[in-house]
Amino acid sequence: MKKKTIFLFDLDSTVTTMEILPTIAKKINKQKKMKELTEKTMMGNLNFRESFLARVDILKDISVSEGAEMISEIPLSKKILNFITENKENCYIVTGNLDVWIVELMKKIGM
């Protein structure tokens, strides 16, 4: 049986050249809140659920279409994108982002 090699790519700062949620937070002048939340989470002071709910609360006033529009403006890594395009059947993108915000980006990438 032939083994299939798969490649997993993180969306934020791998496929995209920037972190998505901090970039959106900056555009709506909530980058300080997002930075504080990220630091608390990374230090282990918030679990995933608490952190996720807090991020949703920070970004709750943005519509799905506004979020998707902001995400579409974030540059992509050309090198990674070329690799994914050439190896699409073996590549997967992993993210903790809301799928409703990134669906158009995934279509653009062809995933």
N, C-alpha and C. Protein backbone atom coordinates (compact mmCIF):
# COMPACT_ATOMS: atom_id res chain seq x y z
N MET A 1 0.85 -1.18 0.00
CA MET A 1 0.00 0.00 0.00
C MET A 1 0.90 1.25 0.00
N LYS A 2 0.66 2.13 -0.95
CA LYS A 2 1.42 3.36 -1.07
C LYS A 2 0.92 4.38 -0.05
N LYS A 3 1.85 4.95 0.71
CA LYS A 3 1.48 5.97 1.68
C LYS A 3 1.33 7.32 1.00
N LYS A 4 0.36 8.08 1.44
CA LYS A 4 0.12 9.41 0.91
C LYS A 4 0.74 10.43 1.86
N THR A 5 1.52 11.33 1.34
CA THR A 5 2.09 12.40 2.13
C THR A 5 1.12 13.58 2.10
N ILE A 6 0.84 14.11 3.28
CA ILE A 6 -0.02 15.29 3.35
C ILE A 6 0.76 16.44 3.97
N PHE A 7 0.34 17.64 3.63
CA PHE A 7 0.97 18.85 4.14
C PHE A 7 -0.10 19.70 4.82
N LEU A 8 0.15 20.08 6.06
CA LEU A 8 -0.77 20.92 6.81
C LEU A 8 -0.17 22.31 6.95
N PHE A 9 -0.96 23.32 6.67
CA PHE A 9 -0.50 24.70 6.77
C PHE A 9 -1.41 25.47 7.71
N ASP A 10 -0.80 26.19 8.63
CA ASP A 10 -1.56 27.11 9.47
C ASP A 10 -1.92 28.31 8.60
N LEU A 11 -3.13 28.80 8.74
CA LEU A 11 -3.57 29.93 7.92
C LEU A 11 -2.84 31.21 8.31
N ASP A 12 -2.87 31.55 9.60
CA ASP A 12 -2.32 32.82 10.09
C ASP A 12 -0.80 32.85 10.04
N SER A 13 -0.29 33.83 9.36
CA SER A 13 1.16 34.08 9.25
C SER A 13 1.93 32.94 8.60
N THR A 14 1.23 32.04 7.93
CA THR A 14 1.87 31.02 7.12
C THR A 14 1.33 31.16 5.70
N VAL A 15 0.04 30.86 5.54
CA VAL A 15 -0.58 31.10 4.24
C VAL A 15 -0.79 32.61 4.05
N THR A 16 -1.29 33.27 5.08
CA THR A 16 -1.36 34.73 5.06
C THR A 16 -0.03 35.26 5.58
N THR A 17 0.28 36.49 5.25
CA THR A 17 1.54 37.06 5.73
C THR A 17 1.39 37.76 7.08
N MET A 18 0.15 37.80 7.58
CA MET A 18 -0.13 38.48 8.85
C MET A 18 -1.14 37.65 9.64
N GLU A 19 -1.17 37.88 10.95
CA GLU A 19 -2.18 37.27 11.80
C GLU A 19 -3.53 37.94 11.49
N ILE A 20 -4.56 37.15 11.31
CA ILE A 20 -5.85 37.67 10.86
C ILE A 20 -6.56 38.48 11.95
N LEU A 21 -6.80 37.90 13.11
CA LEU A 21 -7.61 38.61 14.12
C LEU A 21 -6.94 39.89 14.62
N PRO A 22 -5.63 39.90 14.89
CA PRO A 22 -5.01 41.18 15.27
C PRO A 22 -5.09 42.24 14.17
N THR A 23 -5.03 41.81 12.92
CA THR A 23 -5.13 42.75 11.81
C THR A 23 -6.52 43.37 11.76
N ILE A 24 -7.55 42.54 11.94
CA ILE A 24 -8.92 43.05 11.98
C ILE A 24 -9.12 43.96 13.19
N ALA A 25 -8.62 43.53 14.34
CA ALA A 25 -8.75 44.33 15.56
C ALA A 25 -8.11 45.71 15.37
N LYS A 26 -6.97 45.75 14.70
CA LYS A 26 -6.30 47.03 14.45
C LYS A 26 -7.18 47.93 13.58
N LYS A 27 -7.82 47.35 12.58
CA LYS A 27 -8.66 48.14 11.67
C LYS A 27 -9.87 48.74 12.37
N ILE A 28 -10.30 48.12 13.47
CA ILE A 28 -11.46 48.64 14.20
C ILE A 28 -11.06 49.26 15.54
N ASN A 29 -9.77 49.56 15.66
CA ASN A 29 -9.21 50.23 16.85
C ASN A 29 -9.42 49.44 18.14
N LYS A 30 -9.30 48.12 18.05
CA LYS A 30 -9.40 47.28 19.25
C LYS A 30 -8.14 46.41 19.40
N GLN A 31 -7.03 46.87 18.81
CA GLN A 31 -5.81 46.08 18.85
C GLN A 31 -5.26 45.92 20.27
N LYS A 32 -5.44 46.91 21.12
CA LYS A 32 -4.94 46.82 22.50
C LYS A 32 -5.65 45.68 23.24
N LYS A 33 -6.98 45.63 23.12
CA LYS A 33 -7.75 44.56 23.76
C LYS A 33 -7.34 43.19 23.24
N MET A 34 -7.16 43.10 21.92
CA MET A 34 -6.79 41.82 21.31
C MET A 34 -5.39 41.39 21.76
N LYS A 35 -4.48 42.34 21.84
CA LYS A 35 -3.11 42.04 22.28
C LYS A 35 -3.11 41.54 23.72
N GLU A 36 -3.85 42.21 24.59
CA GLU A 36 -3.93 41.79 26.00
C GLU A 36 -4.52 40.39 26.11
N LEU A 37 -5.55 40.12 25.34
CA LEU A 37 -6.19 38.80 25.35
C LEU A 37 -5.22 37.73 24.86
N THR A 38 -4.50 38.02 23.80
CA THR A 38 -3.52 37.07 23.25
C THR A 38 -2.45 36.76 24.28
N GLU A 39 -1.95 37.78 24.95
CA GLU A 39 -0.92 37.58 25.97
C GLU A 39 -1.43 36.73 27.13
N LYS A 40 -2.65 36.99 27.60
CA LYS A 40 -3.24 36.19 28.68
C LYS A 40 -3.37 34.73 28.27
N THR A 41 -3.80 34.52 27.03
CA THR A 41 -3.99 33.16 26.53
C THR A 41 -2.66 32.44 26.41
N MET A 42 -1.66 33.11 25.86
CA MET A 42 -0.34 32.49 25.68
C MET A 42 0.33 32.19 27.02
N MET A 43 0.01 32.97 28.04
CA MET A 43 0.58 32.73 29.37
C MET A 43 -0.18 31.63 30.12
N GLY A 44 -1.26 31.14 29.53
CA GLY A 44 -2.03 30.07 30.16
C GLY A 44 -3.07 30.55 31.14
N ASN A 45 -3.35 31.84 31.14
CA ASN A 45 -4.34 32.39 32.06
C ASN A 45 -5.77 32.28 31.55
N LEU A 46 -5.93 31.92 30.29
CA LEU A 46 -7.25 31.69 29.71
C LEU A 46 -7.21 30.40 28.91
N ASN A 47 -8.24 29.58 29.04
CA ASN A 47 -8.29 28.38 28.21
C ASN A 47 -8.86 28.74 26.84
N PHE A 48 -8.87 27.77 25.93
CA PHE A 48 -9.30 28.04 24.56
C PHE A 48 -10.71 28.59 24.51
N ARG A 49 -11.62 27.98 25.25
CA ARG A 49 -13.02 28.41 25.22
C ARG A 49 -13.16 29.86 25.67
N GLU A 50 -12.54 30.19 26.80
CA GLU A 50 -12.62 31.56 27.32
C GLU A 50 -12.01 32.54 26.33
N SER A 51 -10.87 32.17 25.77
CA SER A 51 -10.19 33.03 24.82
C SER A 51 -11.03 33.22 23.56
N PHE A 52 -11.59 32.14 23.06
CA PHE A 52 -12.42 32.21 21.86
C PHE A 52 -13.61 33.13 22.08
N LEU A 53 -14.31 32.94 23.20
CA LEU A 53 -15.48 33.77 23.49
C LEU A 53 -15.10 35.24 23.65
N ALA A 54 -13.96 35.50 24.25
CA ALA A 54 -13.50 36.88 24.42
C ALA A 54 -13.16 37.51 23.06
N ARG A 55 -12.56 36.73 22.16
CA ARG A 55 -12.25 37.23 20.81
C ARG A 55 -13.53 37.55 20.05
N VAL A 56 -14.51 36.66 20.17
CA VAL A 56 -15.81 36.90 19.53
C VAL A 56 -16.42 38.18 20.08
N ASP A 57 -16.32 38.39 21.39
CA ASP A 57 -16.87 39.59 22.00
C ASP A 57 -16.18 40.85 21.47
N ILE A 58 -14.87 40.80 21.31
CA ILE A 58 -14.13 41.96 20.79
C ILE A 58 -14.57 42.28 19.37
N LEU A 59 -14.82 41.25 18.58
CA LEU A 59 -15.10 41.45 17.16
C LEU A 59 -16.59 41.35 16.80
N LYS A 60 -17.45 41.33 17.80
CA LYS A 60 -18.87 41.06 17.58
C LYS A 60 -19.60 42.11 16.74
N ASP A 61 -19.09 43.31 16.66
CA ASP A 61 -19.78 44.35 15.92
C ASP A 61 -19.45 44.35 14.43
N ILE A 62 -18.59 43.43 14.01
CA ILE A 62 -18.24 43.34 12.59
C ILE A 62 -19.15 42.30 11.94
N SER A 63 -19.74 42.66 10.82
CA SER A 63 -20.57 41.69 10.11
C SER A 63 -19.68 40.65 9.44
N VAL A 64 -20.28 39.54 9.07
CA VAL A 64 -19.54 38.48 8.38
C VAL A 64 -18.92 39.04 7.10
N SER A 65 -19.68 39.83 6.36
CA SER A 65 -19.16 40.36 5.10
C SER A 65 -18.01 41.34 5.34
N GLU A 66 -18.08 42.15 6.40
CA GLU A 66 -16.98 43.06 6.73
C GLU A 66 -15.72 42.28 7.11
N GLY A 67 -15.90 41.26 7.92
CA GLY A 67 -14.76 40.43 8.32
C GLY A 67 -14.13 39.77 7.12
N ALA A 68 -14.94 39.21 6.25
CA ALA A 68 -14.43 38.54 5.04
C ALA A 68 -13.71 39.54 4.14
N GLU A 69 -14.24 40.73 4.04
CA GLU A 69 -13.60 41.77 3.21
C GLU A 69 -12.23 42.13 3.78
N MET A 70 -12.15 42.33 5.09
CA MET A 70 -10.87 42.66 5.72
C MET A 70 -9.85 41.54 5.51
N ILE A 71 -10.31 40.31 5.64
CA ILE A 71 -9.43 39.15 5.46
C ILE A 71 -8.95 39.06 4.02
N SER A 72 -9.82 39.39 3.07
CA SER A 72 -9.43 39.31 1.65
C SER A 72 -8.32 40.29 1.31
N GLU A 73 -8.14 41.32 2.12
CA GLU A 73 -7.10 42.32 1.88
C GLU A 73 -5.75 41.92 2.46
N ILE A 74 -5.71 40.87 3.27
CA ILE A 74 -4.45 40.43 3.88
C ILE A 74 -3.64 39.69 2.83
N PRO A 75 -2.40 40.10 2.61
CA PRO A 75 -1.57 39.44 1.59
C PRO A 75 -1.31 37.97 1.93
N LEU A 76 -1.15 37.18 0.87
CA LEU A 76 -0.85 35.76 1.00
C LEU A 76 0.63 35.52 0.68
N SER A 77 1.18 34.47 1.26
CA SER A 77 2.55 34.07 0.96
C SER A 77 2.56 33.43 -0.43
N LYS A 78 3.23 34.07 -1.36
CA LYS A 78 3.27 33.56 -2.74
C LYS A 78 3.94 32.19 -2.82
N LYS A 79 4.99 32.01 -2.05
CA LYS A 79 5.72 30.73 -2.06
C LYS A 79 4.83 29.59 -1.56
N ILE A 80 4.15 29.81 -0.45
CA ILE A 80 3.25 28.79 0.12
C ILE A 80 2.07 28.56 -0.83
N LEU A 81 1.50 29.63 -1.34
CA LEU A 81 0.37 29.52 -2.24
C LEU A 81 0.73 28.72 -3.50
N ASN A 82 1.91 28.97 -4.05
CA ASN A 82 2.36 28.19 -5.21
C ASN A 82 2.49 26.71 -4.88
N PHE A 83 3.05 26.41 -3.70
CA PHE A 83 3.19 25.01 -3.29
C PHE A 83 1.83 24.35 -3.15
N ILE A 84 0.90 25.03 -2.50
CA ILE A 84 -0.45 24.48 -2.33
C ILE A 84 -1.11 24.25 -3.68
N THR A 85 -0.98 25.20 -4.58
CA THR A 85 -1.58 25.08 -5.91
C THR A 85 -1.01 23.87 -6.66
N GLU A 86 0.28 23.65 -6.55
CA GLU A 86 0.94 22.54 -7.24
C GLU A 86 0.67 21.19 -6.59
N ASN A 87 0.26 21.19 -5.32
CA ASN A 87 0.07 19.95 -4.56
C ASN A 87 -1.28 19.91 -3.87
N LYS A 88 -2.28 20.50 -4.50
CA LYS A 88 -3.60 20.70 -3.88
C LYS A 88 -4.20 19.44 -3.26
N GLU A 89 -4.04 18.31 -3.93
CA GLU A 89 -4.65 17.07 -3.43
C GLU A 89 -4.02 16.58 -2.13
N ASN A 90 -2.86 17.11 -1.77
CA ASN A 90 -2.17 16.68 -0.55
C ASN A 90 -2.09 17.77 0.51
N CYS A 91 -2.69 18.92 0.26
CA CYS A 91 -2.54 20.06 1.17
C CYS A 91 -3.85 20.38 1.89
N TYR A 92 -3.68 20.77 3.15
CA TYR A 92 -4.81 21.16 3.99
C TYR A 92 -4.42 22.40 4.77
N ILE A 93 -5.38 23.29 4.97
CA ILE A 93 -5.16 24.50 5.76
C ILE A 93 -5.89 24.35 7.07
N VAL A 94 -5.18 24.62 8.16
CA VAL A 94 -5.72 24.47 9.51
C VAL A 94 -5.81 25.87 10.13
N THR A 95 -6.94 26.13 10.79
CA THR A 95 -7.10 27.44 11.41
C THR A 95 -8.13 27.38 12.53
N GLY A 96 -8.01 28.30 13.44
CA GLY A 96 -9.01 28.47 14.49
C GLY A 96 -9.96 29.62 14.15
N ASN A 97 -9.81 30.18 12.96
CA ASN A 97 -10.67 31.28 12.53
C ASN A 97 -12.07 30.79 12.22
N LEU A 98 -13.01 31.69 12.28
CA LEU A 98 -14.40 31.36 11.95
C LEU A 98 -14.51 31.05 10.47
N ASP A 99 -15.07 29.90 10.16
CA ASP A 99 -15.15 29.49 8.75
C ASP A 99 -15.98 30.46 7.91
N VAL A 100 -16.98 31.10 8.49
CA VAL A 100 -17.80 32.04 7.72
C VAL A 100 -17.00 33.26 7.28
N TRP A 101 -15.92 33.56 8.00
CA TRP A 101 -15.08 34.71 7.64
C TRP A 101 -14.07 34.34 6.56
N ILE A 102 -13.67 33.08 6.51
CA ILE A 102 -12.57 32.71 5.61
C ILE A 102 -13.02 31.93 4.38
N VAL A 103 -14.29 31.68 4.24
CA VAL A 103 -14.78 30.85 3.12
C VAL A 103 -14.36 31.44 1.77
N GLU A 104 -14.48 32.73 1.60
CA GLU A 104 -14.09 33.35 0.32
C GLU A 104 -12.59 33.27 0.11
N LEU A 105 -11.83 33.43 1.17
CA LEU A 105 -10.37 33.29 1.06
C LEU A 105 -10.00 31.87 0.64
N MET A 106 -10.67 30.88 1.20
CA MET A 106 -10.39 29.49 0.83
C MET A 106 -10.73 29.23 -0.63
N LYS A 107 -11.82 29.84 -1.11
CA LYS A 107 -12.18 29.71 -2.53
C LYS A 107 -11.09 30.34 -3.40
N LYS A 108 -10.61 31.51 -2.99
CA LYS A 108 -9.56 32.21 -3.73
C LYS A 108 -8.30 31.35 -3.83
N ILE A 109 -7.98 30.64 -2.74
CA ILE A 109 -6.81 29.77 -2.70
C ILE A 109 -7.07 28.47 -3.48
N GLY A 110 -8.34 28.14 -3.61
CA GLY A 110 -8.70 26.90 -4.31
C GLY A 110 -8.81 25.71 -3.38
N MET A 111 -9.08 25.99 -2.13
CA MET A 111 -9.20 24.92 -1.12
C MET A 111 -10.64 24.81 -0.67
